[in-house]
Amino acid sequence: MLAELSDDRARFADARALKTYAGAAPISCAPGKNLVVHHRKLKNQRLAATGYVRPFAVLRAPGPRKHYDRRRAEGDRHSSALRNTFDRMLGHLFHCLQKSKTYDELTAFPPRPSMRLNQAS
């Protein structure tokens, strides 16, 4: 992934630009009352192929796996959940490159707070 991105830290203005270049950012259009979301066809094909294969490898880690499973439970198809996981990974990669930090799974995929309400007895 880093070979495709190059070593120029100023190449992408923000994480969204990186995600668009990689093909991870979806295209939304709203003709009339409908909202349609498409995947990008103009993208770096090698980076996009990595984006499809790489999430399989990181799904062994608990953070990305919970994120993927949550997206699937919310109704996303397999490819959409993988693309969203890759999108999240790219956002954190951009952060790591800009801040010269190493990868931290708890920062990239923080645990979600419990949705249960504490009941007072």
PDB file of N, CA and C in Angstrom:
ATOM      1  N   MET A   1       0.830  -1.183   0.000  1.00  0.00           N
ATOM      2  CA  MET A   1       0.000   0.000   0.000  1.00  0.00           C
ATOM      3  C   MET A   1       0.873   1.245   0.000  1.00  0.00           C
ATOM      4  N   LEU A   2       1.913   1.229   0.804  1.00  0.00           N
ATOM      5  CA  LEU A   2       2.769   2.410   0.892  1.00  0.00           C
ATOM      6  C   LEU A   2       3.488   2.685  -0.424  1.00  0.00           C
ATOM      7  N   ALA A   3       3.821   1.648  -1.184  1.00  0.00           N
ATOM      8  CA  ALA A   3       4.484   1.855  -2.469  1.00  0.00           C
ATOM      9  C   ALA A   3       3.553   2.582  -3.442  1.00  0.00           C
ATOM     10  N   GLU A   4       2.288   2.292  -3.412  1.00  0.00           N
ATOM     11  CA  GLU A   4       1.333   2.961  -4.289  1.00  0.00           C
ATOM     12  C   GLU A   4       1.035   4.394  -3.843  1.00  0.00           C
ATOM     13  N   LEU A   5       1.156   4.656  -2.554  1.00  0.00           N
ATOM     14  CA  LEU A   5       0.846   5.991  -2.042  1.00  0.00           C
ATOM     15  C   LEU A   5       1.997   6.969  -2.203  1.00  0.00           C
ATOM     16  N   SER A   6       3.212   6.494  -2.339  1.00  0.00           N
ATOM     17  CA  SER A   6       4.455   7.253  -2.434  1.00  0.00           C
ATOM     18  C   SER A   6       4.848   7.795  -1.065  1.00  0.00           C
ATOM     19  N   ASP A   7       6.001   8.393  -0.998  1.00  0.00           N
ATOM     20  CA  ASP A   7       6.495   8.884   0.289  1.00  0.00           C
ATOM     21  C   ASP A   7       6.260  10.379   0.478  1.00  0.00           C
ATOM     22  N   ASP A   8       5.536  11.005  -0.405  1.00  0.00           N
ATOM     23  CA  ASP A   8       5.231  12.431  -0.289  1.00  0.00           C
ATOM     24  C   ASP A   8       4.041  12.620   0.649  1.00  0.00           C
ATOM     25  N   ARG A   9       4.281  13.123   1.833  1.00  0.00           N
ATOM     26  CA  ARG A   9       3.212  13.285   2.824  1.00  0.00           C
ATOM     27  C   ARG A   9       2.203  14.360   2.431  1.00  0.00           C
ATOM     28  N   ALA A  10       2.607  15.292   1.580  1.00  0.00           N
ATOM     29  CA  ALA A  10       1.710  16.378   1.179  1.00  0.00           C
ATOM     30  C   ALA A  10       0.922  16.034  -0.084  1.00  0.00           C
ATOM     31  N   ARG A  11       1.022  14.811  -0.557  1.00  0.00           N
ATOM     32  CA  ARG A  11       0.338  14.425  -1.794  1.00  0.00           C
ATOM     33  C   ARG A  11      -1.178  14.506  -1.665  1.00  0.00           C
ATOM     34  N   PHE A  12      -1.702  14.147  -0.510  1.00  0.00           N
ATOM     35  CA  PHE A  12      -3.143  14.174  -0.287  1.00  0.00           C
ATOM     36  C   PHE A  12      -3.463  15.238   0.748  1.00  0.00           C
ATOM     37  N   ALA A  13      -4.427  16.071   0.441  1.00  0.00           N
ATOM     38  CA  ALA A  13      -4.780  17.176   1.341  1.00  0.00           C
ATOM     39  C   ALA A  13      -5.393  16.666   2.639  1.00  0.00           C
ATOM     40  N   ASP A  14      -6.184  15.620   2.542  1.00  0.00           N
ATOM     41  CA  ASP A  14      -6.827  15.063   3.726  1.00  0.00           C
ATOM     42  C   ASP A  14      -7.093  13.579   3.506  1.00  0.00           C
ATOM     43  N   ALA A  15      -7.645  12.946   4.514  1.00  0.00           N
ATOM     44  CA  ALA A  15      -7.912  11.510   4.436  1.00  0.00           C
ATOM     45  C   ALA A  15      -8.955  11.196   3.361  1.00  0.00           C
ATOM     46  N   ARG A  16      -9.884  12.089   3.149  1.00  0.00           N
ATOM     47  CA  ARG A  16     -10.921  11.876   2.129  1.00  0.00           C
ATOM     48  C   ARG A  16     -10.298  11.776   0.728  1.00  0.00           C
ATOM     49  N   ALA A  17      -9.304  12.616   0.454  1.00  0.00           N
ATOM     50  CA  ALA A  17      -8.623  12.561  -0.843  1.00  0.00           C
ATOM     51  C   ALA A  17      -7.904  11.222  -1.025  1.00  0.00           C
ATOM     52  N   LEU A  18      -7.290  10.730   0.027  1.00  0.00           N
ATOM     53  CA  LEU A  18      -6.631   9.423  -0.026  1.00  0.00           C
ATOM     54  C   LEU A  18      -7.649   8.320  -0.271  1.00  0.00           C
ATOM     55  N   LYS A  19      -8.764   8.378   0.418  1.00  0.00           N
ATOM     56  CA  LYS A  19      -9.801   7.355   0.262  1.00  0.00           C
ATOM     57  C   LYS A  19     -10.396   7.382  -1.143  1.00  0.00           C
ATOM     58  N   THR A  20     -10.539   8.576  -1.715  1.00  0.00           N
ATOM     59  CA  THR A  20     -11.054   8.703  -3.075  1.00  0.00           C
ATOM     60  C   THR A  20     -10.062   8.114  -4.069  1.00  0.00           C
ATOM     61  N   TYR A  21      -8.783   8.405  -3.897  1.00  0.00           N
ATOM     62  CA  TYR A  21      -7.741   7.875  -4.773  1.00  0.00           C
ATOM     63  C   TYR A  21      -7.712   6.350  -4.729  1.00  0.00           C
ATOM     64  N   ALA A  22      -7.927   5.796  -3.549  1.00  0.00           N
ATOM     65  CA  ALA A  22      -7.886   4.339  -3.379  1.00  0.00           C
ATOM     66  C   ALA A  22      -9.188   3.661  -3.808  1.00  0.00           C
ATOM     67  N   GLY A  23     -10.242   4.434  -4.005  1.00  0.00           N
ATOM     68  CA  GLY A  23     -11.518   3.855  -4.403  1.00  0.00           C
ATOM     69  C   GLY A  23     -12.358   3.391  -3.240  1.00  0.00           C
ATOM     70  N   ALA A  24     -11.991   3.769  -2.021  1.00  0.00           N
ATOM     71  CA  ALA A  24     -12.733   3.337  -0.837  1.00  0.00           C
ATOM     72  C   ALA A  24     -13.898   4.262  -0.518  1.00  0.00           C
ATOM     73  N   ALA A  25     -13.834   5.505  -0.965  1.00  0.00           N
ATOM     74  CA  ALA A  25     -14.914   6.454  -0.688  1.00  0.00           C
ATOM     75  C   ALA A  25     -16.050   6.221  -1.688  1.00  0.00           C
ATOM     76  N   PRO A  26     -17.256   6.012  -1.220  1.00  0.00           N
ATOM     77  CA  PRO A  26     -18.372   5.767  -2.136  1.00  0.00           C
ATOM     78  C   PRO A  26     -18.827   7.056  -2.824  1.00  0.00           C
ATOM     79  N   ILE A  27     -19.548   6.889  -3.914  1.00  0.00           N
ATOM     80  CA  ILE A  27     -20.141   8.014  -4.631  1.00  0.00           C
ATOM     81  C   ILE A  27     -21.625   8.023  -4.286  1.00  0.00           C
ATOM     82  N   SER A  28     -22.105   9.143  -3.778  1.00  0.00           N
ATOM     83  CA  SER A  28     -23.521   9.280  -3.441  1.00  0.00           C
ATOM     84  C   SER A  28     -24.177  10.233  -4.424  1.00  0.00           C
ATOM     85  N   CYS A  29     -25.315   9.837  -4.939  1.00  0.00           N
ATOM     86  CA  CYS A  29     -26.080  10.755  -5.779  1.00  0.00           C
ATOM     87  C   CYS A  29     -27.549  10.608  -5.385  1.00  0.00           C
ATOM     88  N   ALA A  30     -28.256  11.716  -5.457  1.00  0.00           N
ATOM     89  CA  ALA A  30     -29.651  11.725  -5.030  1.00  0.00           C
ATOM     90  C   ALA A  30     -30.530  12.266  -6.145  1.00  0.00           C
ATOM     91  N   PRO A  31     -30.850  11.419  -7.131  1.00  0.00           N
ATOM     92  CA  PRO A  31     -31.784  11.872  -8.161  1.00  0.00           C
ATOM     93  C   PRO A  31     -33.216  11.814  -7.625  1.00  0.00           C
ATOM     94  N   GLY A  32     -33.822  12.941  -7.493  1.00  0.00           N
ATOM     95  CA  GLY A  32     -35.179  12.977  -6.951  1.00  0.00           C
ATOM     96  C   GLY A  32     -35.208  12.682  -5.479  1.00  0.00           C
ATOM     97  N   LYS A  33     -36.048  11.749  -5.074  1.00  0.00           N
ATOM     98  CA  LYS A  33     -36.185  11.420  -3.655  1.00  0.00           C
ATOM     99  C   LYS A  33     -35.341  10.226  -3.237  1.00  0.00           C
ATOM    100  N   ASN A  34     -34.673   9.595  -4.175  1.00  0.00           N
ATOM    101  CA  ASN A  34     -33.882   8.399  -3.878  1.00  0.00           C
ATOM    102  C   ASN A  34     -32.419   8.764  -3.638  1.00  0.00           C
ATOM    103  N   LEU A  35     -31.771   8.032  -2.757  1.00  0.00           N
ATOM    104  CA  LEU A  35     -30.338   8.158  -2.533  1.00  0.00           C
ATOM    105  C   LEU A  35     -29.674   6.882  -3.022  1.00  0.00           C
ATOM    106  N   VAL A  36     -28.758   7.026  -3.965  1.00  0.00           N
ATOM    107  CA  VAL A  36     -28.075   5.884  -4.556  1.00  0.00           C
ATOM    108  C   VAL A  36     -26.593   6.006  -4.230  1.00  0.00           C
ATOM    109  N   VAL A  37     -25.991   4.914  -3.773  1.00  0.00           N
ATOM    110  CA  VAL A  37     -24.569   4.887  -3.453  1.00  0.00           C
ATOM    111  C   VAL A  37     -23.895   3.886  -4.379  1.00  0.00           C
ATOM    112  N   HIS A  38     -22.860   4.351  -5.092  1.00  0.00           N
ATOM    113  CA  HIS A  38     -22.122   3.515  -6.031  1.00  0.00           C
ATOM    114  C   HIS A  38     -20.678   3.387  -5.575  1.00  0.00           C
ATOM    115  N   HIS A  39     -19.983   2.384  -6.110  1.00  0.00           N
ATOM    116  CA  HIS A  39     -18.542   2.298  -5.870  1.00  0.00           C
ATOM    117  C   HIS A  39     -17.821   3.026  -7.000  1.00  0.00           C
ATOM    118  N   ARG A  40     -16.625   3.459  -6.746  1.00  0.00           N
ATOM    119  CA  ARG A  40     -15.846   4.219  -7.721  1.00  0.00           C
ATOM    120  C   ARG A  40     -15.262   3.299  -8.782  1.00  0.00           C
ATOM    121  N   LYS A  41     -15.299   3.763 -10.026  1.00  0.00           N
ATOM    122  CA  LYS A  41     -14.676   3.018 -11.111  1.00  0.00           C
ATOM    123  C   LYS A  41     -13.342   3.633 -11.492  1.00  0.00           C
ATOM    124  N   LEU A  42     -13.192   4.953 -11.300  1.00  0.00           N
ATOM    125  CA  LEU A  42     -11.923   5.629 -11.550  1.00  0.00           C
ATOM    126  C   LEU A  42     -11.154   5.694 -10.246  1.00  0.00           C
ATOM    127  N   LYS A  43     -10.124   4.874 -10.168  1.00  0.00           N
ATOM    128  CA  LYS A  43      -9.340   4.757  -8.940  1.00  0.00           C
ATOM    129  C   LYS A  43      -8.011   4.103  -9.279  1.00  0.00           C
ATOM    130  N   ASN A  44      -7.116   4.061  -8.342  1.00  0.00           N
ATOM    131  CA  ASN A  44      -5.871   3.336  -8.500  1.00  0.00           C
ATOM    132  C   ASN A  44      -6.214   1.856  -8.359  1.00  0.00           C
ATOM    133  N   GLN A  45      -6.139   1.124  -9.440  1.00  0.00           N
ATOM    134  CA  GLN A  45      -6.605  -0.264  -9.458  1.00  0.00           C
ATOM    135  C   GLN A  45      -5.773  -1.168  -8.548  1.00  0.00           C
ATOM    136  N   ARG A  46      -4.461  -0.936  -8.482  1.00  0.00           N
ATOM    137  CA  ARG A  46      -3.623  -1.777  -7.620  1.00  0.00           C
ATOM    138  C   ARG A  46      -3.932  -1.528  -6.149  1.00  0.00           C
ATOM    139  N   LEU A  47      -4.149  -0.277  -5.806  1.00  0.00           N
ATOM    140  CA  LEU A  47      -4.480   0.044  -4.421  1.00  0.00           C
ATOM    141  C   LEU A  47      -5.879  -0.469  -4.077  1.00  0.00           C
ATOM    142  N   ALA A  48      -6.797  -0.400  -5.025  1.00  0.00           N
ATOM    143  CA  ALA A  48      -8.142  -0.922  -4.794  1.00  0.00           C
ATOM    144  C   ALA A  48      -8.124  -2.444  -4.621  1.00  0.00           C
ATOM    145  N   ALA A  49      -7.285  -3.134  -5.395  1.00  0.00           N
ATOM    146  CA  ALA A  49      -7.172  -4.584  -5.248  1.00  0.00           C
ATOM    147  C   ALA A  49      -6.596  -4.930  -3.882  1.00  0.00           C
ATOM    148  N   THR A  50      -5.632  -4.146  -3.438  1.00  0.00           N
ATOM    149  CA  THR A  50      -5.085  -4.339  -2.095  1.00  0.00           C
ATOM    150  C   THR A  50      -6.172  -4.093  -1.062  1.00  0.00           C
ATOM    151  N   GLY A  51      -7.011  -3.127  -1.327  1.00  0.00           N
ATOM    152  CA  GLY A  51      -8.094  -2.802  -0.409  1.00  0.00           C
ATOM    153  C   GLY A  51      -9.133  -3.892  -0.295  1.00  0.00           C
ATOM    154  N   TYR A  52      -9.212  -4.758  -1.279  1.00  0.00           N
ATOM    155  CA  TYR A  52     -10.149  -5.865  -1.183  1.00  0.00           C
ATOM    156  C   TYR A  52      -9.520  -7.050  -0.460  1.00  0.00           C
ATOM    157  N   VAL A  53      -8.210  -7.257  -0.650  1.00  0.00           N
ATOM    158  CA  VAL A  53      -7.524  -8.401  -0.061  1.00  0.00           C
ATOM    159  C   VAL A  53      -7.056  -8.106   1.362  1.00  0.00           C
ATOM    160  N   ARG A  54      -6.565  -6.900   1.613  1.00  0.00           N
ATOM    161  CA  ARG A  54      -5.977  -6.558   2.910  1.00  0.00           C
ATOM    162  C   ARG A  54      -6.954  -6.703   4.075  1.00  0.00           C
ATOM    163  N   PRO A  55      -8.214  -6.279   3.957  1.00  0.00           N
ATOM    164  CA  PRO A  55      -9.119  -6.462   5.099  1.00  0.00           C
ATOM    165  C   PRO A  55      -9.298  -7.916   5.514  1.00  0.00           C
ATOM    166  N   PHE A  56      -9.161  -8.870   4.574  1.00  0.00           N
ATOM    167  CA  PHE A  56      -9.243 -10.278   4.953  1.00  0.00           C
ATOM    168  C   PHE A  56      -8.167 -10.616   5.973  1.00  0.00           C
ATOM    169  N   ALA A  57      -6.963 -10.085   5.765  1.00  0.00           N
ATOM    170  CA  ALA A  57      -5.853 -10.380   6.667  1.00  0.00           C
ATOM    171  C   ALA A  57      -6.066  -9.749   8.037  1.00  0.00           C
ATOM    172  N   VAL A  58      -6.614  -8.543   8.083  1.00  0.00           N
ATOM    173  CA  VAL A  58      -6.776  -7.863   9.376  1.00  0.00           C
ATOM    174  C   VAL A  58      -8.046  -8.290  10.105  1.00  0.00           C
ATOM    175  N   LEU A  59      -8.914  -9.058   9.458  1.00  0.00           N
ATOM    176  CA  LEU A  59     -10.130  -9.499  10.144  1.00  0.00           C
ATOM    177  C   LEU A  59      -9.833 -10.502  11.254  1.00  0.00           C
ATOM    178  N   ARG A  60      -8.608 -10.957  11.350  1.00  0.00           N
ATOM    179  CA  ARG A  60      -8.228 -11.836  12.466  1.00  0.00           C
ATOM    180  C   ARG A  60      -8.074 -11.046  13.763  1.00  0.00           C
ATOM    181  N   ALA A  61      -7.768  -9.762  13.635  1.00  0.00           N
ATOM    182  CA  ALA A  61      -7.622  -8.909  14.818  1.00  0.00           C
ATOM    183  C   ALA A  61      -9.016  -8.561  15.346  1.00  0.00           C
ATOM    184  N   PRO A  62      -9.174  -8.433  16.656  1.00  0.00           N
ATOM    185  CA  PRO A  62     -10.516  -8.225  17.213  1.00  0.00           C
ATOM    186  C   PRO A  62     -11.173  -6.898  16.827  1.00  0.00           C
ATOM    187  N   GLY A  63     -10.411  -5.821  16.717  1.00  0.00           N
ATOM    188  CA  GLY A  63     -10.998  -4.512  16.400  1.00  0.00           C
ATOM    189  C   GLY A  63     -11.630  -4.468  15.017  1.00  0.00           C
ATOM    190  N   PRO A  64     -10.851  -4.776  13.960  1.00  0.00           N
ATOM    191  CA  PRO A  64     -11.442  -4.787  12.622  1.00  0.00           C
ATOM    192  C   PRO A  64     -12.557  -5.827  12.469  1.00  0.00           C
ATOM    193  N   ARG A  65     -12.414  -6.969  13.163  1.00  0.00           N
ATOM    194  CA  ARG A  65     -13.445  -8.012  13.056  1.00  0.00           C
ATOM    195  C   ARG A  65     -14.770  -7.532  13.635  1.00  0.00           C
ATOM    196  N   LYS A  66     -14.723  -6.857  14.789  1.00  0.00           N
ATOM    197  CA  LYS A  66     -15.951  -6.325  15.384  1.00  0.00           C
ATOM    198  C   LYS A  66     -16.575  -5.268  14.483  1.00  0.00           C
ATOM    199  N   HIS A  67     -15.720  -4.429  13.873  1.00  0.00           N
ATOM    200  CA  HIS A  67     -16.223  -3.397  12.966  1.00  0.00           C
ATOM    201  C   HIS A  67     -16.914  -4.036  11.760  1.00  0.00           C
ATOM    202  N   TYR A  68     -16.270  -5.044  11.154  1.00  0.00           N
ATOM    203  CA  TYR A  68     -16.847  -5.753  10.009  1.00  0.00           C
ATOM    204  C   TYR A  68     -18.159  -6.432  10.398  1.00  0.00           C
ATOM    205  N   ASP A  69     -18.164  -7.145  11.530  1.00  0.00           N
ATOM    206  CA  ASP A  69     -19.378  -7.847  11.973  1.00  0.00           C
ATOM    207  C   ASP A  69     -20.513  -6.873  12.269  1.00  0.00           C
ATOM    208  N   ARG A  70     -20.186  -5.712  12.852  1.00  0.00           N
ATOM    209  CA  ARG A  70     -21.210  -4.709  13.138  1.00  0.00           C
ATOM    210  C   ARG A  70     -21.812  -4.176  11.836  1.00  0.00           C
ATOM    211  N   ARG A  71     -20.965  -3.927  10.836  1.00  0.00           N
ATOM    212  CA  ARG A  71     -21.470  -3.454   9.547  1.00  0.00           C
ATOM    213  C   ARG A  71     -22.364  -4.507   8.887  1.00  0.00           C
ATOM    214  N   ARG A  72     -21.977  -5.774   8.998  1.00  0.00           N
ATOM    215  CA  ARG A  72     -22.803  -6.845   8.437  1.00  0.00           C
ATOM    216  C   ARG A  72     -24.140  -6.930   9.164  1.00  0.00           C
ATOM    217  N   ALA A  73     -24.111  -6.768  10.495  1.00  0.00           N
ATOM    218  CA  ALA A  73     -25.348  -6.820  11.280  1.00  0.00           C
ATOM    219  C   ALA A  73     -26.265  -5.650  10.950  1.00  0.00           C
ATOM    220  N   GLU A  74     -25.682  -4.527  10.529  1.00  0.00           N
ATOM    221  CA  GLU A  74     -26.491  -3.365  10.160  1.00  0.00           C
ATOM    222  C   GLU A  74     -27.086  -3.494   8.764  1.00  0.00           C
ATOM    223  N   GLY A  75     -26.738  -4.572   8.051  1.00  0.00           N
ATOM    224  CA  GLY A  75     -27.354  -4.819   6.754  1.00  0.00           C
ATOM    225  C   GLY A  75     -26.438  -4.627   5.560  1.00  0.00           C
ATOM    226  N   ASP A  76     -25.173  -4.281   5.776  1.00  0.00           N
ATOM    227  CA  ASP A  76     -24.241  -4.141   4.658  1.00  0.00           C
ATOM    228  C   ASP A  76     -23.934  -5.507   4.063  1.00  0.00           C
ATOM    229  N   ARG A  77     -23.758  -5.530   2.757  1.00  0.00           N
ATOM    230  CA  ARG A  77     -23.306  -6.757   2.113  1.00  0.00           C
ATOM    231  C   ARG A  77     -21.827  -6.954   2.398  1.00  0.00           C
ATOM    232  N   HIS A  78     -21.314  -8.115   2.074  1.00  0.00           N
ATOM    233  CA  HIS A  78     -19.917  -8.455   2.347  1.00  0.00           C
ATOM    234  C   HIS A  78     -18.966  -7.420   1.733  1.00  0.00           C
ATOM    235  N   SER A  79     -19.163  -7.105   0.459  1.00  0.00           N
ATOM    236  CA  SER A  79     -18.251  -6.172  -0.208  1.00  0.00           C
ATOM    237  C   SER A  79     -18.342  -4.774   0.394  1.00  0.00           C
ATOM    238  N   SER A  80     -19.524  -4.355   0.785  1.00  0.00           N
ATOM    239  CA  SER A  80     -19.681  -3.034   1.397  1.00  0.00           C
ATOM    240  C   SER A  80     -19.019  -2.980   2.772  1.00  0.00           C
ATOM    241  N   ALA A  81     -19.161  -4.034   3.542  1.00  0.00           N
ATOM    242  CA  ALA A  81     -18.536  -4.077   4.869  1.00  0.00           C
ATOM    243  C   ALA A  81     -17.014  -4.101   4.747  1.00  0.00           C
ATOM    244  N   LEU A  82     -16.498  -4.841   3.757  1.00  0.00           N
ATOM    245  CA  LEU A  82     -15.049  -4.854   3.535  1.00  0.00           C
ATOM    246  C   LEU A  82     -14.556  -3.481   3.098  1.00  0.00           C
ATOM    247  N   ARG A  83     -15.293  -2.840   2.187  1.00  0.00           N
ATOM    248  CA  ARG A  83     -14.905  -1.515   1.713  1.00  0.00           C
ATOM    249  C   ARG A  83     -14.919  -0.508   2.856  1.00  0.00           C
ATOM    250  N   ASN A  84     -15.901  -0.618   3.743  1.00  0.00           N
ATOM    251  CA  ASN A  84     -15.966   0.290   4.884  1.00  0.00           C
ATOM    252  C   ASN A  84     -14.804   0.033   5.840  1.00  0.00           C
ATOM    253  N   THR A  85     -14.434  -1.222   6.045  1.00  0.00           N
ATOM    254  CA  THR A  85     -13.291  -1.542   6.890  1.00  0.00           C
ATOM    255  C   THR A  85     -12.009  -0.996   6.271  1.00  0.00           C
ATOM    256  N   PHE A  86     -11.859  -1.133   4.954  1.00  0.00           N
ATOM    257  CA  PHE A  86     -10.698  -0.590   4.261  1.00  0.00           C
ATOM    258  C   PHE A  86     -10.681   0.934   4.356  1.00  0.00           C
ATOM    259  N   ASP A  87     -11.839   1.547   4.248  1.00  0.00           N
ATOM    260  CA  ASP A  87     -11.958   2.996   4.382  1.00  0.00           C
ATOM    261  C   ASP A  87     -11.459   3.447   5.753  1.00  0.00           C
ATOM    262  N   ARG A  88     -11.853   2.728   6.768  1.00  0.00           N
ATOM    263  CA  ARG A  88     -11.422   3.035   8.133  1.00  0.00           C
ATOM    264  C   ARG A  88      -9.917   2.855   8.286  1.00  0.00           C
ATOM    265  N   MET A  89      -9.371   1.790   7.669  1.00  0.00           N
ATOM    266  CA  MET A  89      -7.942   1.546   7.720  1.00  0.00           C
ATOM    267  C   MET A  89      -7.158   2.652   7.016  1.00  0.00           C
ATOM    268  N   LEU A  90      -7.656   3.117   5.874  1.00  0.00           N
ATOM    269  CA  LEU A  90      -6.983   4.187   5.148  1.00  0.00           C
ATOM    270  C   LEU A  90      -6.990   5.492   5.938  1.00  0.00           C
ATOM    271  N   GLY A  91      -8.096   5.774   6.605  1.00  0.00           N
ATOM    272  CA  GLY A  91      -8.156   6.973   7.430  1.00  0.00           C
ATOM    273  C   GLY A  91      -7.108   6.948   8.528  1.00  0.00           C
ATOM    274  N   HIS A  92      -6.938   5.789   9.139  1.00  0.00           N
ATOM    275  CA  HIS A  92      -5.938   5.677  10.196  1.00  0.00           C
ATOM    276  C   HIS A  92      -4.524   5.687   9.613  1.00  0.00           C
ATOM    277  N   LEU A  93      -4.336   5.094   8.445  1.00  0.00           N
ATOM    278  CA  LEU A  93      -3.032   5.134   7.787  1.00  0.00           C
ATOM    279  C   LEU A  93      -2.644   6.575   7.477  1.00  0.00           C
ATOM    280  N   PHE A  94      -3.589   7.367   6.990  1.00  0.00           N
ATOM    281  CA  PHE A  94      -3.319   8.777   6.716  1.00  0.00           C
ATOM    282  C   PHE A  94      -2.901   9.494   7.997  1.00  0.00           C
ATOM    283  N   HIS A  95      -3.607   9.221   9.073  1.00  0.00           N
ATOM    284  CA  HIS A  95      -3.271   9.827  10.366  1.00  0.00           C
ATOM    285  C   HIS A  95      -1.857   9.433  10.800  1.00  0.00           C
ATOM    286  N   CYS A  96      -1.529   8.153  10.661  1.00  0.00           N
ATOM    287  CA  CYS A  96      -0.198   7.676  11.055  1.00  0.00           C
ATOM    288  C   CYS A  96       0.893   8.339  10.219  1.00  0.00           C
ATOM    289  N   LEU A  97       0.662   8.491   8.922  1.00  0.00           N
ATOM    290  CA  LEU A  97       1.664   9.101   8.057  1.00  0.00           C
ATOM    291  C   LEU A  97       1.837  10.584   8.356  1.00  0.00           C
ATOM    292  N   GLN A  98       0.749  11.274   8.620  1.00  0.00           N
ATOM    293  CA  GLN A  98       0.827  12.709   8.886  1.00  0.00           C
ATOM    294  C   GLN A  98       1.460  13.014  10.235  1.00  0.00           C
ATOM    295  N   LYS A  99       1.171  12.206  11.227  1.00  0.00           N
ATOM    296  CA  LYS A  99       1.646  12.462  12.590  1.00  0.00           C
ATOM    297  C   LYS A  99       2.913  11.678  12.937  1.00  0.00           C
ATOM    298  N   SER A 100       3.427  10.882  11.988  1.00  0.00           N
ATOM    299  CA  SER A 100       4.615  10.041  12.217  1.00  0.00           C
ATOM    300  C   SER A 100       4.435   9.137  13.433  1.00  0.00           C
ATOM    301  N   LYS A 101       3.292   8.478  13.487  1.00  0.00           N
ATOM    302  CA  LYS A 101       2.994   7.558  14.580  1.00  0.00           C
ATOM    303  C   LYS A 101       2.880   6.146  14.044  1.00  0.00           C
ATOM    304  N   THR A 102       2.981   5.188  14.933  1.00  0.00           N
ATOM    305  CA  THR A 102       2.811   3.794  14.548  1.00  0.00           C
ATOM    306  C   THR A 102       1.336   3.400  14.690  1.00  0.00           C
ATOM    307  N   TYR A 103       0.988   2.315  14.045  1.00  0.00           N
ATOM    308  CA  TYR A 103      -0.391   1.824  14.065  1.00  0.00           C
ATOM    309  C   TYR A 103      -0.778   1.376  15.467  1.00  0.00           C
ATOM    310  N   ASP A 104      -1.948   1.780  15.888  1.00  0.00           N
ATOM    311  CA  ASP A 104      -2.504   1.344  17.165  1.00  0.00           C
ATOM    312  C   ASP A 104      -3.940   0.925  16.909  1.00  0.00           C
ATOM    313  N   GLU A 105      -4.225  -0.342  17.146  1.00  0.00           N
ATOM    314  CA  GLU A 105      -5.562  -0.867  16.846  1.00  0.00           C
ATOM    315  C   GLU A 105      -6.653  -0.184  17.666  1.00  0.00           C
ATOM    316  N   LEU A 106      -6.368   0.159  18.908  1.00  0.00           N
ATOM    317  CA  LEU A 106      -7.381   0.811  19.746  1.00  0.00           C
ATOM    318  C   LEU A 106      -7.713   2.217  19.260  1.00  0.00           C
ATOM    319  N   THR A 107      -6.766   2.862  18.577  1.00  0.00           N
ATOM    320  CA  THR A 107      -7.041   4.172  18.000  1.00  0.00           C
ATOM    321  C   THR A 107      -7.805   4.025  16.697  1.00  0.00           C
ATOM    322  N   ALA A 108      -7.424   3.049  15.881  1.00  0.00           N
ATOM    323  CA  ALA A 108      -8.068   2.838  14.591  1.00  0.00           C
ATOM    324  C   ALA A 108      -9.486   2.289  14.734  1.00  0.00           C
ATOM    325  N   PHE A 109      -9.665   1.346  15.635  1.00  0.00           N
ATOM    326  CA  PHE A 109     -10.956   0.709  15.844  1.00  0.00           C
ATOM    327  C   PHE A 109     -11.292   0.740  17.333  1.00  0.00           C
ATOM    328  N   PRO A 110     -11.668   1.918  17.855  1.00  0.00           N
ATOM    329  CA  PRO A 110     -11.959   1.998  19.294  1.00  0.00           C
ATOM    330  C   PRO A 110     -13.200   1.187  19.646  1.00  0.00           C
ATOM    331  N   PRO A 111     -13.240   0.614  20.844  1.00  0.00           N
ATOM    332  CA  PRO A 111     -14.437  -0.140  21.242  1.00  0.00           C
ATOM    333  C   PRO A 111     -15.619   0.815  21.375  1.00  0.00           C
ATOM    334  N   ARG A 112     -16.750   0.357  20.924  1.00  0.00           N
ATOM    335  CA  ARG A 112     -17.952   1.187  20.992  1.00  0.00           C
ATOM    336  C   ARG A 112     -18.544   1.109  22.390  1.00  0.00           C
ATOM    337  N   PRO A 113     -19.062   2.237  22.888  1.00  0.00           N
ATOM    338  CA  PRO A 113     -19.690   2.196  24.211  1.00  0.00           C
ATOM    339  C   PRO A 113     -20.944   1.342  24.169  1.00  0.00           C
ATOM    340  N   SER A 114     -21.224   0.732  25.274  1.00  0.00           N
ATOM    341  CA  SER A 114     -22.397  -0.119  25.371  1.00  0.00           C
ATOM    342  C   SER A 114     -23.660   0.712  25.218  1.00  0.00           C
ATOM    343  N   MET A 115     -24.628   0.177  24.511  1.00  0.00           N
ATOM    344  CA  MET A 115     -25.868   0.909  24.262  1.00  0.00           C
ATOM    345  C   MET A 115     -26.894   0.680  25.380  1.00  0.00           C
ATOM    346  N   ARG A 116     -26.550  -0.167  26.328  1.00  0.00           N
ATOM    347  CA  ARG A 116     -27.499  -0.451  27.410  1.00  0.00           C
ATOM    348  C   ARG A 116     -27.574   0.726  28.372  1.00  0.00           C
ATOM    349  N   LEU A 117     -28.745   0.956  28.866  1.00  0.00           N
ATOM    350  CA  LEU A 117     -28.932   1.992  29.881  1.00  0.00           C
ATOM    351  C   LEU A 117     -28.845   1.356  31.248  1.00  0.00           C
ATOM    352  N   ASN A 118     -28.119   1.986  32.132  1.00  0.00           N
ATOM    353  CA  ASN A 118     -28.039   1.476  33.494  1.00  0.00           C
ATOM    354  C   ASN A 118     -29.363   1.727  34.200  1.00  0.00           C
ATOM    355  N   GLN A 119     -29.891   0.689  34.749  1.00  0.00           N
ATOM    356  CA  GLN A 119     -31.167   0.818  35.443  1.00  0.00           C
ATOM    357  C   GLN A 119     -30.905   0.967  36.935  1.00  0.00           C
ATOM    358  N   ALA A 120     -31.442   2.013  37.492  1.00  0.00           N
ATOM    359  CA  ALA A 120     -31.298   2.248  38.933  1.00  0.00           C
ATOM    360  C   ALA A 120     -32.287   1.370  39.683  1.00  0.00           C
ATOM    361  N   SER A 121     -31.819   0.756  40.768  1.00  0.00           N
ATOM    362  CA  SER A 121     -32.728  -0.100  41.528  1.00  0.00           C
ATOM    363  C   SER A 121     -33.184   0.561  42.787  1.00  0.00           C
TER     364      SER A 121
END
